[in-house]
Amino acid sequence: MSKAQRHHQITQLLSGSLISNQSDLVEKLEDIGITATQATVSRDLEELGAVKVRLPNGENIYAIPEHPVDRVLPEDHLRRVMGEWVVEIKTSENIVVLRTPPGSAHVVASALDRAGLPEILGTVAGDDTLLVVATSGAGGEPLTQNLRLLAGL
């Protein structure tokens, strides 16, 4: 089996099952006739851009983002991510602070980074908080208003 075929099967498994750790993924692959080591699965998850996301019940599972890392996200996807995960937005000069449920900040940061918004210089995500740095010309307050609209706040 080629790496591309294995990646396809991993993508299918992650979209159809709640897989919380690499050993579970190795077992699921074995169930469908694919032998892979934990080290191989670890590399595969990294190459696929898989991330751990926290479910409302607190469980962490692997997921693969809907859009490839090198592609700009459509605005409706950004609006959906912001509306689902952002609970609070505050400003300080050219820095905007967004709060999310625990374990979700990286999801929002990734969406913002890939949205291609010209007023965003970059993001830094922690567990439940992310910093969005506005470009010099944009300023934090106009960016905050735009992000609040996207999040429905």
N, C-alpha and C. Protein backbone atom coordinates (compact mmCIF):
# COMPACT_ATOMS: atom_id res chain seq x y z
N MET A 1 0.84 -1.18 0.00
CA MET A 1 0.00 0.00 0.00
C MET A 1 0.89 1.24 0.00
N SER A 2 0.52 2.20 -0.84
CA SER A 2 1.31 3.44 -0.92
C SER A 2 0.98 4.37 0.25
N LYS A 3 1.84 5.35 0.44
CA LYS A 3 1.60 6.33 1.50
C LYS A 3 0.32 7.11 1.20
N ALA A 4 0.10 7.46 -0.06
CA ALA A 4 -1.12 8.20 -0.44
C ALA A 4 -2.37 7.39 -0.11
N GLN A 5 -2.33 6.09 -0.35
CA GLN A 5 -3.48 5.23 -0.03
C GLN A 5 -3.69 5.15 1.48
N ARG A 6 -2.60 5.03 2.23
CA ARG A 6 -2.69 4.98 3.69
C ARG A 6 -3.24 6.31 4.22
N HIS A 7 -2.75 7.43 3.66
CA HIS A 7 -3.26 8.74 4.07
C HIS A 7 -4.76 8.85 3.79
N HIS A 8 -5.17 8.34 2.65
CA HIS A 8 -6.60 8.37 2.32
C HIS A 8 -7.40 7.58 3.36
N GLN A 9 -6.92 6.41 3.72
CA GLN A 9 -7.63 5.58 4.70
C GLN A 9 -7.65 6.24 6.08
N ILE A 10 -6.56 6.88 6.46
CA ILE A 10 -6.52 7.58 7.74
C ILE A 10 -7.53 8.73 7.74
N THR A 11 -7.57 9.47 6.64
CA THR A 11 -8.54 10.55 6.51
C THR A 11 -9.96 10.03 6.65
N GLN A 12 -10.25 8.91 6.01
CA GLN A 12 -11.57 8.31 6.10
C GLN A 12 -11.89 7.87 7.53
N LEU A 13 -10.92 7.26 8.19
CA LEU A 13 -11.13 6.81 9.57
C LEU A 13 -11.38 7.98 10.51
N LEU A 14 -10.59 9.05 10.36
CA LEU A 14 -10.76 10.20 11.25
C LEU A 14 -12.08 10.92 11.01
N SER A 15 -12.56 10.90 9.78
CA SER A 15 -13.84 11.58 9.51
C SER A 15 -15.02 10.74 9.96
N GLY A 16 -14.83 9.43 10.11
CA GLY A 16 -15.95 8.57 10.47
C GLY A 16 -15.92 8.00 11.87
N SER A 17 -14.83 8.21 12.59
CA SER A 17 -14.67 7.63 13.93
C SER A 17 -14.10 8.67 14.89
N LEU A 18 -14.37 8.48 16.15
CA LEU A 18 -13.77 9.32 17.19
C LEU A 18 -12.50 8.62 17.65
N ILE A 19 -11.37 9.10 17.17
CA ILE A 19 -10.08 8.48 17.49
C ILE A 19 -9.29 9.46 18.34
N SER A 20 -8.97 9.04 19.56
CA SER A 20 -8.35 9.95 20.51
C SER A 20 -6.84 9.77 20.67
N ASN A 21 -6.30 8.65 20.18
CA ASN A 21 -4.85 8.49 20.30
C ASN A 21 -4.31 7.65 19.15
N GLN A 22 -3.00 7.68 19.00
CA GLN A 22 -2.37 7.02 17.87
C GLN A 22 -2.49 5.50 17.92
N SER A 23 -2.47 4.92 19.10
CA SER A 23 -2.60 3.46 19.18
C SER A 23 -3.99 3.01 18.73
N ASP A 24 -5.03 3.82 19.01
CA ASP A 24 -6.36 3.50 18.50
C ASP A 24 -6.38 3.54 16.98
N LEU A 25 -5.68 4.51 16.41
CA LEU A 25 -5.62 4.62 14.95
C LEU A 25 -4.88 3.43 14.35
N VAL A 26 -3.79 3.00 14.98
CA VAL A 26 -3.05 1.82 14.51
C VAL A 26 -3.99 0.60 14.51
N GLU A 27 -4.79 0.45 15.57
CA GLU A 27 -5.74 -0.68 15.65
C GLU A 27 -6.81 -0.60 14.57
N LYS A 28 -7.35 0.58 14.35
CA LYS A 28 -8.38 0.76 13.31
C LYS A 28 -7.81 0.44 11.92
N LEU A 29 -6.56 0.86 11.70
CA LEU A 29 -5.92 0.53 10.42
C LEU A 29 -5.75 -0.99 10.28
N GLU A 30 -5.33 -1.65 11.35
CA GLU A 30 -5.18 -3.11 11.31
C GLU A 30 -6.51 -3.78 11.02
N ASP A 31 -7.61 -3.23 11.57
CA ASP A 31 -8.94 -3.78 11.34
C ASP A 31 -9.31 -3.78 9.86
N ILE A 32 -8.76 -2.84 9.10
CA ILE A 32 -9.07 -2.80 7.67
C ILE A 32 -7.91 -3.33 6.81
N GLY A 33 -6.98 -4.04 7.47
CA GLY A 33 -5.92 -4.73 6.75
C GLY A 33 -4.68 -3.92 6.45
N ILE A 34 -4.47 -2.82 7.18
CA ILE A 34 -3.29 -1.99 6.95
C ILE A 34 -2.40 -2.07 8.18
N THR A 35 -1.18 -2.54 7.98
CA THR A 35 -0.22 -2.63 9.07
C THR A 35 0.64 -1.37 9.07
N ALA A 36 0.66 -0.69 10.21
CA ALA A 36 1.47 0.52 10.34
C ALA A 36 1.92 0.63 11.79
N THR A 37 3.11 1.13 11.97
CA THR A 37 3.62 1.33 13.33
C THR A 37 3.10 2.66 13.88
N GLN A 38 3.24 2.82 15.18
CA GLN A 38 2.83 4.08 15.81
C GLN A 38 3.67 5.23 15.25
N ALA A 39 4.95 5.00 15.00
CA ALA A 39 5.82 6.04 14.45
C ALA A 39 5.37 6.46 13.05
N THR A 40 4.97 5.49 12.24
CA THR A 40 4.46 5.81 10.90
C THR A 40 3.18 6.60 10.98
N VAL A 41 2.28 6.19 11.86
CA VAL A 41 1.01 6.90 12.04
C VAL A 41 1.26 8.32 12.53
N SER A 42 2.22 8.48 13.42
CA SER A 42 2.56 9.80 13.92
C SER A 42 3.01 10.71 12.78
N ARG A 43 3.89 10.20 11.91
CA ARG A 43 4.34 10.98 10.75
C ARG A 43 3.18 11.26 9.81
N ASP A 44 2.33 10.27 9.59
CA ASP A 44 1.17 10.46 8.71
C ASP A 44 0.26 11.56 9.22
N LEU A 45 -0.03 11.56 10.51
CA LEU A 45 -0.90 12.58 11.10
C LEU A 45 -0.29 13.97 10.92
N GLU A 46 1.03 14.07 11.10
CA GLU A 46 1.71 15.34 10.92
C GLU A 46 1.61 15.79 9.46
N GLU A 47 1.87 14.89 8.53
CA GLU A 47 1.82 15.22 7.10
C GLU A 47 0.42 15.61 6.66
N LEU A 48 -0.59 15.01 7.25
CA LEU A 48 -1.98 15.32 6.90
C LEU A 48 -2.48 16.61 7.56
N GLY A 49 -1.69 17.14 8.49
CA GLY A 49 -2.10 18.36 9.18
C GLY A 49 -3.15 18.09 10.24
N ALA A 50 -3.21 16.86 10.74
CA ALA A 50 -4.21 16.50 11.76
C ALA A 50 -3.96 17.29 13.04
N VAL A 51 -5.04 17.65 13.69
CA VAL A 51 -4.98 18.37 14.95
C VAL A 51 -5.87 17.66 15.96
N LYS A 52 -5.59 17.91 17.23
CA LYS A 52 -6.47 17.40 18.28
C LYS A 52 -7.49 18.48 18.59
N VAL A 53 -8.75 18.10 18.62
CA VAL A 53 -9.81 19.03 18.97
C VAL A 53 -10.57 18.48 20.17
N ARG A 54 -11.06 19.40 20.98
CA ARG A 54 -11.80 19.01 22.17
C ARG A 54 -13.30 19.03 21.86
N LEU A 55 -13.96 17.93 22.13
CA LEU A 55 -15.40 17.84 21.95
C LEU A 55 -16.10 18.50 23.14
N PRO A 56 -17.37 18.87 22.97
CA PRO A 56 -18.10 19.49 24.08
C PRO A 56 -18.08 18.65 25.37
N ASN A 57 -17.96 17.32 25.24
CA ASN A 57 -17.92 16.47 26.43
C ASN A 57 -16.54 16.41 27.07
N GLY A 58 -15.56 17.15 26.50
CA GLY A 58 -14.22 17.21 27.06
C GLY A 58 -13.24 16.23 26.45
N GLU A 59 -13.71 15.29 25.64
CA GLU A 59 -12.83 14.31 25.01
C GLU A 59 -12.04 14.97 23.88
N ASN A 60 -10.76 14.61 23.76
CA ASN A 60 -9.91 15.10 22.67
C ASN A 60 -9.84 14.04 21.59
N ILE A 61 -10.05 14.45 20.33
CA ILE A 61 -9.97 13.53 19.21
C ILE A 61 -9.14 14.15 18.09
N TYR A 62 -8.63 13.30 17.20
CA TYR A 62 -7.92 13.78 16.02
C TYR A 62 -8.92 14.21 14.96
N ALA A 63 -8.57 15.27 14.26
CA ALA A 63 -9.37 15.74 13.13
C ALA A 63 -8.43 16.32 12.09
N ILE A 64 -8.87 16.27 10.86
CA ILE A 64 -8.11 16.86 9.77
C ILE A 64 -8.89 18.06 9.28
N PRO A 65 -8.25 19.22 9.23
CA PRO A 65 -8.96 20.42 8.76
C PRO A 65 -9.60 20.20 7.40
N GLU A 66 -10.74 20.87 7.19
CA GLU A 66 -11.50 20.74 5.95
C GLU A 66 -10.72 21.17 4.73
N HIS A 67 -9.86 22.15 4.90
CA HIS A 67 -9.17 22.73 3.76
C HIS A 67 -7.68 22.52 3.88
N PRO A 68 -7.00 22.28 2.75
CA PRO A 68 -5.55 22.12 2.80
C PRO A 68 -4.88 23.34 3.42
N VAL A 69 -3.75 23.11 4.07
CA VAL A 69 -3.04 24.18 4.79
C VAL A 69 -2.63 25.32 3.85
N ASP A 70 -2.32 25.00 2.60
CA ASP A 70 -1.82 26.04 1.69
C ASP A 70 -2.93 26.75 0.92
N ARG A 71 -4.18 26.51 1.25
CA ARG A 71 -5.29 27.14 0.54
C ARG A 71 -5.97 28.17 1.43
N VAL A 72 -6.36 29.30 0.85
CA VAL A 72 -7.05 30.34 1.60
C VAL A 72 -8.47 29.86 1.89
N LEU A 73 -8.90 30.03 3.13
CA LEU A 73 -10.24 29.61 3.52
C LEU A 73 -11.30 30.56 2.98
N PRO A 74 -12.43 30.03 2.56
CA PRO A 74 -13.54 30.90 2.17
C PRO A 74 -14.12 31.60 3.41
N GLU A 75 -14.70 32.79 3.21
CA GLU A 75 -15.20 33.57 4.34
C GLU A 75 -16.29 32.84 5.11
N ASP A 76 -17.14 32.06 4.42
CA ASP A 76 -18.21 31.36 5.14
C ASP A 76 -17.65 30.32 6.11
N HIS A 77 -16.51 29.72 5.76
CA HIS A 77 -15.88 28.77 6.69
C HIS A 77 -15.33 29.52 7.90
N LEU A 78 -14.68 30.65 7.65
CA LEU A 78 -14.16 31.45 8.75
C LEU A 78 -15.30 31.91 9.66
N ARG A 79 -16.38 32.34 9.07
CA ARG A 79 -17.55 32.78 9.84
C ARG A 79 -18.09 31.63 10.71
N ARG A 80 -18.12 30.42 10.16
CA ARG A 80 -18.61 29.26 10.91
C ARG A 80 -17.68 28.93 12.08
N VAL A 81 -16.36 28.94 11.82
CA VAL A 81 -15.39 28.65 12.89
C VAL A 81 -15.48 29.71 13.99
N MET A 82 -15.51 30.97 13.58
CA MET A 82 -15.59 32.06 14.56
C MET A 82 -16.89 31.97 15.36
N GLY A 83 -17.99 31.73 14.70
CA GLY A 83 -19.28 31.66 15.38
C GLY A 83 -19.39 30.49 16.33
N GLU A 84 -18.71 29.40 16.00
CA GLU A 84 -18.80 28.20 16.82
C GLU A 84 -17.85 28.23 18.01
N TRP A 85 -16.65 28.83 17.85
CA TRP A 85 -15.61 28.70 18.86
C TRP A 85 -15.28 29.96 19.64
N VAL A 86 -15.55 31.15 19.10
CA VAL A 86 -15.15 32.38 19.79
C VAL A 86 -16.25 32.82 20.75
N VAL A 87 -15.89 33.04 22.02
CA VAL A 87 -16.88 33.43 23.02
C VAL A 87 -16.68 34.86 23.51
N GLU A 88 -15.50 35.45 23.27
CA GLU A 88 -15.25 36.80 23.74
C GLU A 88 -14.11 37.41 22.91
N ILE A 89 -14.22 38.72 22.64
CA ILE A 89 -13.19 39.43 21.89
C ILE A 89 -12.93 40.77 22.58
N LYS A 90 -11.65 41.08 22.84
CA LYS A 90 -11.25 42.34 23.45
C LYS A 90 -10.03 42.90 22.71
N THR A 91 -9.81 44.22 22.84
CA THR A 91 -8.74 44.89 22.11
C THR A 91 -7.79 45.61 23.05
N SER A 92 -6.51 45.66 22.65
CA SER A 92 -5.50 46.50 23.28
C SER A 92 -4.56 46.97 22.19
N GLU A 93 -4.67 48.25 21.82
CA GLU A 93 -3.84 48.83 20.74
C GLU A 93 -4.02 48.02 19.46
N ASN A 94 -2.93 47.37 18.98
CA ASN A 94 -3.03 46.60 17.74
C ASN A 94 -3.13 45.10 18.00
N ILE A 95 -3.45 44.72 19.24
CA ILE A 95 -3.60 43.30 19.59
C ILE A 95 -5.06 43.04 19.96
N VAL A 96 -5.61 41.99 19.37
CA VAL A 96 -6.97 41.58 19.68
C VAL A 96 -6.87 40.23 20.39
N VAL A 97 -7.57 40.11 21.51
CA VAL A 97 -7.55 38.88 22.30
C VAL A 97 -8.89 38.17 22.11
N LEU A 98 -8.82 36.92 21.66
CA LEU A 98 -10.03 36.12 21.49
C LEU A 98 -10.02 34.99 22.51
N ARG A 99 -11.15 34.74 23.12
CA ARG A 99 -11.31 33.62 24.08
C ARG A 99 -12.17 32.55 23.42
N THR A 100 -11.81 31.30 23.68
CA THR A 100 -12.53 30.14 23.16
C THR A 100 -12.74 29.14 24.29
N PRO A 101 -13.53 28.10 24.07
CA PRO A 101 -13.56 27.02 25.06
C PRO A 101 -12.17 26.38 25.16
N PRO A 102 -11.86 25.73 26.27
CA PRO A 102 -10.55 25.09 26.44
C PRO A 102 -10.22 24.15 25.28
N GLY A 103 -8.99 24.24 24.80
CA GLY A 103 -8.51 23.35 23.74
C GLY A 103 -8.91 23.76 22.34
N SER A 104 -9.49 24.94 22.15
CA SER A 104 -10.03 25.32 20.84
C SER A 104 -9.33 26.50 20.20
N ALA A 105 -8.45 27.17 20.90
CA ALA A 105 -7.84 28.38 20.36
C ALA A 105 -7.08 28.11 19.06
N HIS A 106 -6.40 26.98 18.98
CA HIS A 106 -5.62 26.69 17.77
C HIS A 106 -6.48 26.53 16.53
N VAL A 107 -7.71 26.07 16.70
CA VAL A 107 -8.62 25.91 15.56
C VAL A 107 -8.95 27.28 14.98
N VAL A 108 -9.28 28.23 15.84
CA VAL A 108 -9.60 29.59 15.40
C VAL A 108 -8.36 30.27 14.82
N ALA A 109 -7.21 30.11 15.47
CA ALA A 109 -5.98 30.73 14.98
C ALA A 109 -5.63 30.21 13.59
N SER A 110 -5.75 28.93 13.37
CA SER A 110 -5.46 28.35 12.07
C SER A 110 -6.40 28.92 11.01
N ALA A 111 -7.68 29.01 11.33
CA ALA A 111 -8.65 29.57 10.38
C ALA A 111 -8.32 31.02 10.06
N LEU A 112 -7.97 31.80 11.07
CA LEU A 112 -7.63 33.21 10.84
C LEU A 112 -6.35 33.34 10.02
N ASP A 113 -5.35 32.52 10.33
CA ASP A 113 -4.10 32.56 9.59
C ASP A 113 -4.32 32.25 8.11
N ARG A 114 -5.22 31.33 7.82
CA ARG A 114 -5.45 30.89 6.45
C ARG A 114 -6.55 31.68 5.75
N ALA A 115 -7.17 32.63 6.45
CA ALA A 115 -8.26 33.40 5.84
C ALA A 115 -7.75 34.46 4.88
N GLY A 116 -6.50 34.85 5.02
CA GLY A 116 -5.94 35.83 4.12
C GLY A 116 -6.45 37.25 4.36
N LEU A 117 -6.88 37.55 5.60
CA LEU A 117 -7.36 38.89 5.90
C LEU A 117 -6.16 39.85 5.93
N PRO A 118 -6.18 40.91 5.11
CA PRO A 118 -5.00 41.78 5.00
C PRO A 118 -4.68 42.56 6.27
N GLU A 119 -5.67 42.73 7.16
CA GLU A 119 -5.43 43.49 8.40
C GLU A 119 -4.83 42.64 9.52
N ILE A 120 -4.60 41.35 9.27
CA ILE A 120 -4.01 40.47 10.28
C ILE A 120 -2.57 40.15 9.93
N LEU A 121 -1.67 40.51 10.85
CA LEU A 121 -0.25 40.20 10.68
C LEU A 121 0.02 38.75 11.05
N GLY A 122 -0.65 38.25 12.11
CA GLY A 122 -0.47 36.87 12.53
C GLY A 122 -1.20 36.59 13.82
N THR A 123 -1.15 35.32 14.25
CA THR A 123 -1.83 34.89 15.47
C THR A 123 -0.89 34.06 16.33
N VAL A 124 -1.19 34.02 17.62
CA VAL A 124 -0.50 33.14 18.57
C VAL A 124 -1.59 32.52 19.43
N ALA A 125 -1.64 31.18 19.47
CA ALA A 125 -2.70 30.50 20.19
C ALA A 125 -2.17 29.75 21.40
N GLY A 126 -2.94 29.83 22.47
CA GLY A 126 -2.70 29.01 23.65
C GLY A 126 -3.79 27.96 23.72
N ASP A 127 -4.24 27.63 24.90
CA ASP A 127 -5.28 26.62 25.08
C ASP A 127 -6.67 27.20 24.79
N ASP A 128 -6.99 28.30 25.47
CA ASP A 128 -8.32 28.90 25.31
C ASP A 128 -8.27 30.38 24.96
N THR A 129 -7.09 30.86 24.62
CA THR A 129 -6.91 32.27 24.30
C THR A 129 -5.99 32.40 23.10
N LEU A 130 -6.31 33.34 22.20
CA LEU A 130 -5.38 33.61 21.12
C LEU A 130 -5.22 35.10 20.94
N LEU A 131 -4.03 35.48 20.54
CA LEU A 131 -3.72 36.86 20.25
C LEU A 131 -3.70 37.02 18.74
N VAL A 132 -4.37 38.04 18.25
CA VAL A 132 -4.36 38.38 16.83
C VAL A 132 -3.68 39.74 16.73
N VAL A 133 -2.60 39.81 15.97
CA VAL A 133 -1.86 41.05 15.83
C VAL A 133 -2.31 41.72 14.53
N ALA A 134 -2.81 42.96 14.68
CA ALA A 134 -3.26 43.74 13.53
C ALA A 134 -2.06 44.40 12.86
N THR A 135 -2.14 44.59 11.57
CA THR A 135 -1.09 45.31 10.86
C THR A 135 -1.06 46.76 11.33
N SER A 136 0.05 47.42 11.13
CA SER A 136 0.21 48.79 11.61
C SER A 136 -0.89 49.71 11.11
N GLY A 137 -1.24 49.62 9.85
CA GLY A 137 -2.24 50.50 9.27
C GLY A 137 -3.66 50.19 9.70
N ALA A 138 -3.93 48.95 10.07
CA ALA A 138 -5.30 48.54 10.39
C ALA A 138 -5.72 48.95 11.79
N GLY A 139 -4.89 48.69 12.77
CA GLY A 139 -5.24 48.98 14.15
C GLY A 139 -6.15 47.92 14.75
N GLY A 140 -6.13 47.82 16.07
CA GLY A 140 -6.87 46.78 16.77
C GLY A 140 -8.36 46.96 16.80
N GLU A 141 -8.84 48.20 16.95
CA GLU A 141 -10.28 48.41 17.09
C GLU A 141 -11.07 48.07 15.83
N PRO A 142 -10.64 48.51 14.64
CA PRO A 142 -11.37 48.10 13.43
C PRO A 142 -11.33 46.58 13.21
N LEU A 143 -10.18 45.97 13.51
CA LEU A 143 -10.08 44.51 13.38
C LEU A 143 -11.02 43.83 14.37
N THR A 144 -11.09 44.35 15.59
CA THR A 144 -12.00 43.79 16.59
C THR A 144 -13.44 43.82 16.08
N GLN A 145 -13.85 44.94 15.51
CA GLN A 145 -15.21 45.06 15.00
C GLN A 145 -15.47 44.04 13.89
N ASN A 146 -14.51 43.86 12.99
CA ASN A 146 -14.64 42.89 11.92
C ASN A 146 -14.74 41.47 12.48
N LEU A 147 -13.89 41.14 13.45
CA LEU A 147 -13.92 39.80 14.05
C LEU A 147 -15.21 39.56 14.81
N ARG A 148 -15.73 40.59 15.49
CA ARG A 148 -17.01 40.45 16.19
C ARG A 148 -18.13 40.16 15.21
N LEU A 149 -18.12 40.82 14.06
CA LEU A 149 -19.13 40.54 13.03
C LEU A 149 -19.03 39.10 12.55
N LEU A 150 -17.80 38.64 12.29
CA LEU A 150 -17.60 37.27 11.82
C LEU A 150 -18.07 36.26 12.87
N ALA A 151 -17.86 36.57 14.16
CA ALA A 151 -18.22 35.65 15.23
C ALA A 151 -19.68 35.78 15.66
N GLY A 152 -20.35 36.80 15.18
CA GLY A 152 -21.74 37.02 15.58
C GLY A 152 -21.86 37.52 17.02
N LEU A 153 -20.86 38.25 17.48
CA LEU A 153 -20.87 38.77 18.86
C LEU A 153 -21.26 40.24 18.87
